[in-house]
Amino acid sequence: MSEEEKFTASLFEAPNVVQQERMVEAILFASSDPVTVKEIIGRLPHGCEPEKALKNLKEKYTVSYTHLTLPTK
């Protein structure tokens, strides 16, 4: 195993996408200021895909007609 693989290896699997969406949603709604994708990445467990979670949340809120401005990179 290379040093990079050792660094990125995790003892736990990333949460499933639904759980990741809930975590991202909590971060967005708990913050009084805009949150960047980089900040979200820093707050989620290793292996999460915040871009995918954000895309799913955007679709969810678009369908429900709720206005939600999501962070860009």
N, C-alpha and C. Protein backbone atom coordinates (compact mmCIF):
# COMPACT_ATOMS: atom_id res chain seq x y z
N MET A 1 0.85 -1.17 0.00
CA MET A 1 0.00 0.00 0.00
C MET A 1 0.90 1.23 0.00
N SER A 2 0.61 2.16 -0.91
CA SER A 2 1.41 3.38 -1.01
C SER A 2 1.07 4.32 0.15
N GLU A 3 1.91 5.32 0.34
CA GLU A 3 1.67 6.30 1.40
C GLU A 3 0.35 7.03 1.17
N GLU A 4 0.05 7.34 -0.11
CA GLU A 4 -1.20 8.04 -0.42
C GLU A 4 -2.41 7.17 -0.06
N GLU A 5 -2.33 5.87 -0.38
CA GLU A 5 -3.43 4.96 -0.05
C GLU A 5 -3.61 4.85 1.46
N LYS A 6 -2.51 4.82 2.19
CA LYS A 6 -2.58 4.77 3.65
C LYS A 6 -3.26 6.03 4.19
N PHE A 7 -2.92 7.17 3.59
CA PHE A 7 -3.48 8.44 4.05
C PHE A 7 -4.97 8.51 3.79
N THR A 8 -5.42 8.02 2.63
CA THR A 8 -6.83 8.14 2.26
C THR A 8 -7.67 6.97 2.73
N ALA A 9 -7.05 5.92 3.22
CA ALA A 9 -7.81 4.77 3.71
C ALA A 9 -8.62 5.16 4.94
N SER A 10 -9.76 4.54 5.08
CA SER A 10 -10.63 4.85 6.20
C SER A 10 -11.03 3.56 6.89
N LEU A 11 -11.22 3.63 8.19
CA LEU A 11 -11.66 2.45 8.93
C LEU A 11 -13.14 2.18 8.72
N PHE A 12 -13.89 3.18 8.31
CA PHE A 12 -15.33 3.05 8.14
C PHE A 12 -15.72 3.42 6.72
N GLU A 13 -16.80 2.80 6.26
CA GLU A 13 -17.34 3.15 4.96
C GLU A 13 -18.08 4.48 5.07
N ALA A 14 -18.14 5.18 3.96
CA ALA A 14 -18.89 6.44 3.93
C ALA A 14 -20.38 6.13 4.13
N PRO A 15 -21.11 7.04 4.75
CA PRO A 15 -22.56 6.84 4.89
C PRO A 15 -23.22 6.74 3.51
N ASN A 16 -24.40 6.14 3.47
CA ASN A 16 -25.09 6.04 2.17
C ASN A 16 -25.53 7.44 1.72
N VAL A 17 -25.95 7.53 0.48
CA VAL A 17 -26.26 8.83 -0.13
C VAL A 17 -27.37 9.57 0.63
N VAL A 18 -28.38 8.85 1.09
CA VAL A 18 -29.48 9.50 1.82
C VAL A 18 -28.95 10.13 3.11
N GLN A 19 -28.10 9.42 3.81
CA GLN A 19 -27.51 9.97 5.03
C GLN A 19 -26.62 11.17 4.71
N GLN A 20 -25.89 11.09 3.61
CA GLN A 20 -25.05 12.22 3.21
C GLN A 20 -25.90 13.44 2.89
N GLU A 21 -27.03 13.22 2.23
CA GLU A 21 -27.93 14.33 1.93
C GLU A 21 -28.42 14.99 3.23
N ARG A 22 -28.76 14.18 4.21
CA ARG A 22 -29.23 14.72 5.50
C ARG A 22 -28.13 15.53 6.18
N MET A 23 -26.90 15.03 6.11
CA MET A 23 -25.78 15.75 6.73
C MET A 23 -25.54 17.08 6.03
N VAL A 24 -25.55 17.06 4.69
CA VAL A 24 -25.33 18.29 3.92
C VAL A 24 -26.47 19.27 4.20
N GLU A 25 -27.68 18.78 4.21
CA GLU A 25 -28.85 19.63 4.49
C GLU A 25 -28.73 20.26 5.87
N ALA A 26 -28.30 19.50 6.85
CA ALA A 26 -28.12 20.03 8.21
C ALA A 26 -27.06 21.12 8.24
N ILE A 27 -25.97 20.90 7.53
CA ILE A 27 -24.90 21.91 7.47
C ILE A 27 -25.42 23.19 6.84
N LEU A 28 -26.15 23.06 5.73
CA LEU A 28 -26.66 24.24 5.02
C LEU A 28 -27.64 25.04 5.87
N PHE A 29 -28.56 24.35 6.52
CA PHE A 29 -29.60 25.04 7.27
C PHE A 29 -29.13 25.53 8.63
N ALA A 30 -28.08 24.93 9.16
CA ALA A 30 -27.56 25.36 10.47
C ALA A 30 -26.65 26.57 10.37
N SER A 31 -26.15 26.83 9.18
CA SER A 31 -25.21 27.92 9.00
C SER A 31 -25.93 29.24 8.76
N SER A 32 -25.46 30.28 9.41
CA SER A 32 -26.04 31.60 9.18
C SER A 32 -25.41 32.29 7.97
N ASP A 33 -24.30 31.74 7.49
CA ASP A 33 -23.59 32.28 6.34
C ASP A 33 -23.55 31.24 5.22
N PRO A 34 -23.32 31.68 3.99
CA PRO A 34 -23.16 30.71 2.90
C PRO A 34 -22.01 29.74 3.20
N VAL A 35 -22.18 28.50 2.75
CA VAL A 35 -21.19 27.45 2.97
C VAL A 35 -20.68 26.98 1.61
N THR A 36 -19.38 26.86 1.47
CA THR A 36 -18.81 26.38 0.21
C THR A 36 -18.75 24.86 0.20
N VAL A 37 -18.61 24.30 -1.00
CA VAL A 37 -18.47 22.86 -1.13
C VAL A 37 -17.23 22.39 -0.38
N LYS A 38 -16.17 23.17 -0.44
CA LYS A 38 -14.93 22.82 0.27
C LYS A 38 -15.19 22.71 1.77
N GLU A 39 -15.97 23.64 2.32
CA GLU A 39 -16.30 23.59 3.75
C GLU A 39 -17.15 22.37 4.08
N ILE A 40 -18.08 22.05 3.19
CA ILE A 40 -18.92 20.87 3.39
C ILE A 40 -18.06 19.61 3.39
N ILE A 41 -17.15 19.51 2.44
CA ILE A 41 -16.25 18.36 2.36
C ILE A 41 -15.49 18.21 3.68
N GLY A 42 -15.04 19.31 4.24
CA GLY A 42 -14.30 19.26 5.48
C GLY A 42 -15.11 18.82 6.68
N ARG A 43 -16.41 18.91 6.58
CA ARG A 43 -17.28 18.56 7.72
C ARG A 43 -17.88 17.16 7.59
N LEU A 44 -17.76 16.54 6.43
CA LEU A 44 -18.34 15.22 6.22
C LEU A 44 -17.31 14.12 6.45
N PRO A 45 -17.77 12.91 6.76
CA PRO A 45 -16.84 11.79 6.91
C PRO A 45 -16.09 11.50 5.61
N HIS A 46 -14.93 10.90 5.76
CA HIS A 46 -14.10 10.53 4.60
C HIS A 46 -14.90 9.64 3.65
N GLY A 47 -14.77 9.90 2.37
CA GLY A 47 -15.42 9.08 1.35
C GLY A 47 -16.78 9.57 0.91
N CYS A 48 -17.30 10.61 1.52
CA CYS A 48 -18.60 11.16 1.13
C CYS A 48 -18.49 11.88 -0.20
N GLU A 49 -19.61 12.00 -0.87
CA GLU A 49 -19.68 12.69 -2.15
C GLU A 49 -20.65 13.87 -2.03
N PRO A 50 -20.17 14.99 -1.49
CA PRO A 50 -21.08 16.12 -1.28
C PRO A 50 -21.67 16.68 -2.57
N GLU A 51 -20.93 16.59 -3.66
CA GLU A 51 -21.46 17.10 -4.93
C GLU A 51 -22.71 16.32 -5.33
N LYS A 52 -22.67 15.01 -5.15
CA LYS A 52 -23.83 14.16 -5.47
C LYS A 52 -24.99 14.48 -4.52
N ALA A 53 -24.69 14.63 -3.25
CA ALA A 53 -25.73 14.95 -2.27
C ALA A 53 -26.36 16.31 -2.60
N LEU A 54 -25.53 17.29 -2.96
CA LEU A 54 -26.04 18.62 -3.32
C LEU A 54 -26.92 18.55 -4.56
N LYS A 55 -26.51 17.78 -5.54
CA LYS A 55 -27.30 17.63 -6.77
C LYS A 55 -28.67 17.03 -6.43
N ASN A 56 -28.67 15.99 -5.60
CA ASN A 56 -29.93 15.36 -5.21
C ASN A 56 -30.82 16.31 -4.42
N LEU A 57 -30.22 17.08 -3.52
CA LEU A 57 -31.00 18.06 -2.75
C LEU A 57 -31.58 19.14 -3.65
N LYS A 58 -30.80 19.58 -4.61
CA LYS A 58 -31.30 20.59 -5.55
C LYS A 58 -32.52 20.06 -6.29
N GLU A 59 -32.45 18.82 -6.76
CA GLU A 59 -33.60 18.22 -7.44
C GLU A 59 -34.79 18.10 -6.50
N LYS A 60 -34.54 17.67 -5.27
CA LYS A 60 -35.60 17.52 -4.27
C LYS A 60 -36.31 18.84 -4.01
N TYR A 61 -35.54 19.90 -3.84
CA TYR A 61 -36.14 21.19 -3.53
C TYR A 61 -36.75 21.85 -4.76
N THR A 62 -36.26 21.53 -5.93
CA THR A 62 -36.86 22.05 -7.16
C THR A 62 -38.26 21.47 -7.33
N VAL A 63 -38.39 20.19 -7.10
CA VAL A 63 -39.69 19.51 -7.22
C VAL A 63 -40.67 20.03 -6.19
N SER A 64 -40.19 20.34 -4.99
CA SER A 64 -41.10 20.81 -3.93
C SER A 64 -41.34 22.33 -4.00
N TYR A 65 -40.76 22.98 -5.01
CA TYR A 65 -40.93 24.42 -5.20
C TYR A 65 -40.39 25.26 -4.06
N THR A 66 -39.44 24.71 -3.33
CA THR A 66 -38.79 25.45 -2.26
C THR A 66 -37.53 26.08 -2.82
N HIS A 67 -37.35 27.35 -2.60
CA HIS A 67 -36.18 28.05 -3.11
C HIS A 67 -34.96 27.67 -2.28
N LEU A 68 -33.96 27.14 -2.93
CA LEU A 68 -32.72 26.77 -2.25
C LEU A 68 -31.56 27.10 -3.16
N THR A 69 -30.68 27.96 -2.69
CA THR A 69 -29.48 28.30 -3.45
C THR A 69 -28.35 27.46 -2.91
N LEU A 70 -27.80 26.61 -3.75
CA LEU A 70 -26.75 25.70 -3.32
C LEU A 70 -25.39 26.26 -3.65
N PRO A 71 -24.39 25.88 -2.85
CA PRO A 71 -23.04 26.40 -3.06
C PRO A 71 -22.44 25.89 -4.36
N THR A 72 -21.60 26.72 -4.93
CA THR A 72 -20.82 26.30 -6.09
C THR A 72 -19.37 26.20 -5.64
N LYS A 73 -18.57 25.55 -6.43
CA LYS A 73 -17.17 25.35 -6.05
C LYS A 73 -16.44 26.61 -6.01
